């Protein structure tokens, strides 16, 4: 029984590290890393070493140099909901981009992304 638990834990750690490797190998990740200050780069290195996949994903999603069009469709839907854009859940990504940009232009602000 104990060996089975050890194998399951090892398997889960391997899957997590593969996910981290996939994130780190992403060209967008490399670009964001290169555009980051040394303090942020250090933090990212710690996330990689410790296998913190969610922390890396959050770091990428909140990076200040991201353009609106680089966000995922799901993230844009969340932003559409936050901005109270009508029918936000049924809009395509290009439609959401247009609506969000218009909302930000009208209100003269950009929500913290």
C-alpha atoms as a PDB file:
ATOM      1  CA  UNK A   1       0.000   0.000   0.000  1.00  0.00           C
ATOM      2  CA  UNK A   2       2.763   2.453   0.918  1.00  0.00           C
ATOM      3  CA  UNK A   3       4.604   1.785  -2.350  1.00  0.00           C
ATOM      4  CA  UNK A   4       1.395   2.493  -4.291  1.00  0.00           C
ATOM      5  CA  UNK A   5       1.092   5.908  -2.626  1.00  0.00           C
ATOM      6  CA  UNK A   6       4.737   6.682  -3.366  1.00  0.00           C
ATOM      7  CA  UNK A   7       4.216   5.778  -7.030  1.00  0.00           C
ATOM      8  CA  UNK A   8       1.096   7.949  -7.243  1.00  0.00           C
ATOM      9  CA  UNK A   9       2.892  10.904  -5.670  1.00  0.00           C
ATOM     10  CA  UNK A  10       5.857  10.473  -8.012  1.00  0.00           C
ATOM     11  CA  UNK A  11       3.554  10.278 -11.011  1.00  0.00           C
ATOM     12  CA  UNK A  12       1.776  13.480  -9.950  1.00  0.00           C
ATOM     13  CA  UNK A  13       5.098  15.303  -9.480  1.00  0.00           C
ATOM     14  CA  UNK A  14       6.240  14.180 -12.935  1.00  0.00           C
ATOM     15  CA  UNK A  15       3.014  15.434 -14.526  1.00  0.00           C
ATOM     16  CA  UNK A  16       3.401  18.756 -12.743  1.00  0.00           C
ATOM     17  CA  UNK A  17       7.012  19.140 -13.900  1.00  0.00           C
ATOM     18  CA  UNK A  18       5.985  18.337 -17.476  1.00  0.00           C
ATOM     19  CA  UNK A  19       3.396  21.094 -17.258  1.00  0.00           C
ATOM     20  CA  UNK A  20       6.054  23.504 -15.952  1.00  0.00           C
ATOM     21  CA  UNK A  21       8.359  22.478 -18.805  1.00  0.00           C
ATOM     22  CA  UNK A  22       5.564  23.146 -21.293  1.00  0.00           C
ATOM     23  CA  UNK A  23       5.031  26.646 -19.895  1.00  0.00           C
ATOM     24  CA  UNK A  24       8.746  27.460 -19.851  1.00  0.00           C
ATOM     25  CA  UNK A  25       9.143  26.241 -23.443  1.00  0.00           C
ATOM     26  CA  UNK A  26       6.408  28.560 -24.670  1.00  0.00           C
ATOM     27  CA  UNK A  27       7.778  31.408 -26.864  1.00  0.00           C
ATOM     28  CA  UNK A  28       5.444  33.864 -25.127  1.00  0.00           C
ATOM     29  CA  UNK A  29       6.924  32.857 -21.753  1.00  0.00           C
ATOM     30  CA  UNK A  30      10.447  33.482 -23.045  1.00  0.00           C
ATOM     31  CA  UNK A  31       9.455  36.911 -24.376  1.00  0.00           C
ATOM     32  CA  UNK A  32       7.794  37.904 -21.101  1.00  0.00           C
ATOM     33  CA  UNK A  33      10.770  36.617 -19.101  1.00  0.00           C
ATOM     34  CA  UNK A  34      13.200  38.647 -21.229  1.00  0.00           C
ATOM     35  CA  UNK A  35      11.073  41.776 -20.732  1.00  0.00           C
ATOM     36  CA  UNK A  36      10.955  41.365 -16.954  1.00  0.00           C
ATOM     37  CA  UNK A  37      13.124  43.076 -14.384  1.00  0.00           C
ATOM     38  CA  UNK A  38      15.745  41.037 -12.491  1.00  0.00           C
ATOM     39  CA  UNK A  39      13.564  40.777  -9.384  1.00  0.00           C
ATOM     40  CA  UNK A  40      10.691  39.302 -11.354  1.00  0.00           C
ATOM     41  CA  UNK A  41      13.057  36.950 -13.181  1.00  0.00           C
ATOM     42  CA  UNK A  42      14.360  35.698  -9.848  1.00  0.00           C
ATOM     43  CA  UNK A  43      10.809  35.062  -8.658  1.00  0.00           C
ATOM     44  CA  UNK A  44      10.030  33.140 -11.855  1.00  0.00           C
ATOM     45  CA  UNK A  45      13.166  31.026 -11.443  1.00  0.00           C
ATOM     46  CA  UNK A  46      11.987  30.092  -7.940  1.00  0.00           C
ATOM     47  CA  UNK A  47       8.583  29.080  -9.314  1.00  0.00           C
ATOM     48  CA  UNK A  48      10.302  26.884 -11.910  1.00  0.00           C
ATOM     49  CA  UNK A  49      12.664  25.257  -9.399  1.00  0.00           C
ATOM     50  CA  UNK A  50       9.802  24.548  -7.008  1.00  0.00           C
ATOM     51  CA  UNK A  51       7.496  23.332  -9.799  1.00  0.00           C
ATOM     52  CA  UNK A  52       4.796  25.929  -9.126  1.00  0.00           C
ATOM     53  CA  UNK A  53       2.807  25.668 -12.331  1.00  0.00           C
ATOM     54  CA  UNK A  54      -0.109  27.845 -11.209  1.00  0.00           C
ATOM     55  CA  UNK A  55       2.236  30.593 -10.043  1.00  0.00           C
ATOM     56  CA  UNK A  56       3.891  30.628 -13.482  1.00  0.00           C
ATOM     57  CA  UNK A  57       0.530  30.754 -15.224  1.00  0.00           C
ATOM     58  CA  UNK A  58      -0.587  33.639 -13.003  1.00  0.00           C
ATOM     59  CA  UNK A  59       2.691  35.475 -13.595  1.00  0.00           C
ATOM     60  CA  UNK A  60       2.201  35.193 -17.344  1.00  0.00           C
ATOM     61  CA  UNK A  61      -1.466  36.206 -17.198  1.00  0.00           C
ATOM     62  CA  UNK A  62      -0.709  39.324 -15.157  1.00  0.00           C
ATOM     63  CA  UNK A  63       2.452  40.435 -16.950  1.00  0.00           C
ATOM     64  CA  UNK A  64       2.270  44.181 -17.629  1.00  0.00           C
ATOM     65  CA  UNK A  65       3.592  43.933 -21.190  1.00  0.00           C
ATOM     66  CA  UNK A  66       0.753  41.702 -22.423  1.00  0.00           C
ATOM     67  CA  UNK A  67      -1.477  43.211 -25.073  1.00  0.00           C
ATOM     68  CA  UNK A  68      -5.224  42.704 -24.826  1.00  0.00           C
ATOM     69  CA  UNK A  69      -5.240  40.378 -27.851  1.00  0.00           C
ATOM     70  CA  UNK A  70      -2.771  38.013 -26.179  1.00  0.00           C
ATOM     71  CA  UNK A  71      -5.232  37.061 -23.444  1.00  0.00           C
ATOM     72  CA  UNK A  72      -7.188  33.826 -23.771  1.00  0.00           C
ATOM     73  CA  UNK A  73     -10.834  33.810 -24.795  1.00  0.00           C
ATOM     74  CA  UNK A  74     -11.829  32.611 -21.311  1.00  0.00           C
ATOM     75  CA  UNK A  75      -9.910  35.435 -19.646  1.00  0.00           C
ATOM     76  CA  UNK A  76     -11.558  37.961 -21.979  1.00  0.00           C
ATOM     77  CA  UNK A  77     -14.947  36.526 -21.001  1.00  0.00           C
ATOM     78  CA  UNK A  78     -14.117  37.155 -17.343  1.00  0.00           C
ATOM     79  CA  UNK A  79     -13.106  40.700 -18.234  1.00  0.00           C
ATOM     80  CA  UNK A  80     -16.350  41.108 -20.207  1.00  0.00           C
ATOM     81  CA  UNK A  81     -18.312  39.985 -17.166  1.00  0.00           C
ATOM     82  CA  UNK A  82     -16.367  42.431 -14.961  1.00  0.00           C
ATOM     83  CA  UNK A  83     -17.121  45.270 -17.392  1.00  0.00           C
ATOM     84  CA  UNK A  84     -20.810  44.194 -17.620  1.00  0.00           C
ATOM     85  CA  UNK A  85     -20.605  43.872 -21.399  1.00  0.00           C
ATOM     86  CA  UNK A  86     -23.960  42.626 -22.749  1.00  0.00           C
ATOM     87  CA  UNK A  87     -23.911  39.005 -23.942  1.00  0.00           C
ATOM     88  CA  UNK A  88     -20.242  38.672 -22.949  1.00  0.00           C
ATOM     89  CA  UNK A  89     -20.575  34.896 -22.594  1.00  0.00           C
ATOM     90  CA  UNK A  90     -21.684  34.407 -26.210  1.00  0.00           C
ATOM     91  CA  UNK A  91     -19.209  36.725 -27.924  1.00  0.00           C
ATOM     92  CA  UNK A  92     -16.294  35.449 -29.963  1.00  0.00           C
ATOM     93  CA  UNK A  93     -12.773  36.494 -29.057  1.00  0.00           C
ATOM     94  CA  UNK A  94     -12.594  39.226 -31.758  1.00  0.00           C
ATOM     95  CA  UNK A  95     -16.004  40.553 -30.686  1.00  0.00           C
ATOM     96  CA  UNK A  96     -14.932  40.605 -27.033  1.00  0.00           C
ATOM     97  CA  UNK A  97     -11.705  42.401 -27.931  1.00  0.00           C
ATOM     98  CA  UNK A  98     -13.695  45.098 -29.728  1.00  0.00           C
ATOM     99  CA  UNK A  99     -16.251  45.473 -26.914  1.00  0.00           C
ATOM    100  CA  UNK A 100     -13.589  45.568 -24.174  1.00  0.00           C
ATOM    101  CA  UNK A 101     -11.512  48.133 -26.081  1.00  0.00           C
ATOM    102  CA  UNK A 102     -14.608  50.295 -26.618  1.00  0.00           C
ATOM    103  CA  UNK A 103     -15.502  50.009 -22.918  1.00  0.00           C
ATOM    104  CA  UNK A 104     -11.989  51.040 -21.893  1.00  0.00           C
ATOM    105  CA  UNK A 105     -12.017  53.945 -24.373  1.00  0.00           C
ATOM    106  CA  UNK A 106     -15.412  55.163 -23.086  1.00  0.00           C
ATOM    107  CA  UNK A 107     -14.409  54.910 -19.447  1.00  0.00           C
ATOM    108  CA  UNK A 108     -10.847  56.109 -19.955  1.00  0.00           C
ATOM    109  CA  UNK A 109      -9.444  53.301 -17.897  1.00  0.00           C
ATOM    110  CA  UNK A 110      -8.082  49.810 -18.011  1.00  0.00           C
ATOM    111  CA  UNK A 111      -8.985  47.426 -15.232  1.00  0.00           C
ATOM    112  CA  UNK A 112      -6.099  45.678 -13.571  1.00  0.00           C
ATOM    113  CA  UNK A 113      -5.563  42.574 -15.626  1.00  0.00           C
END
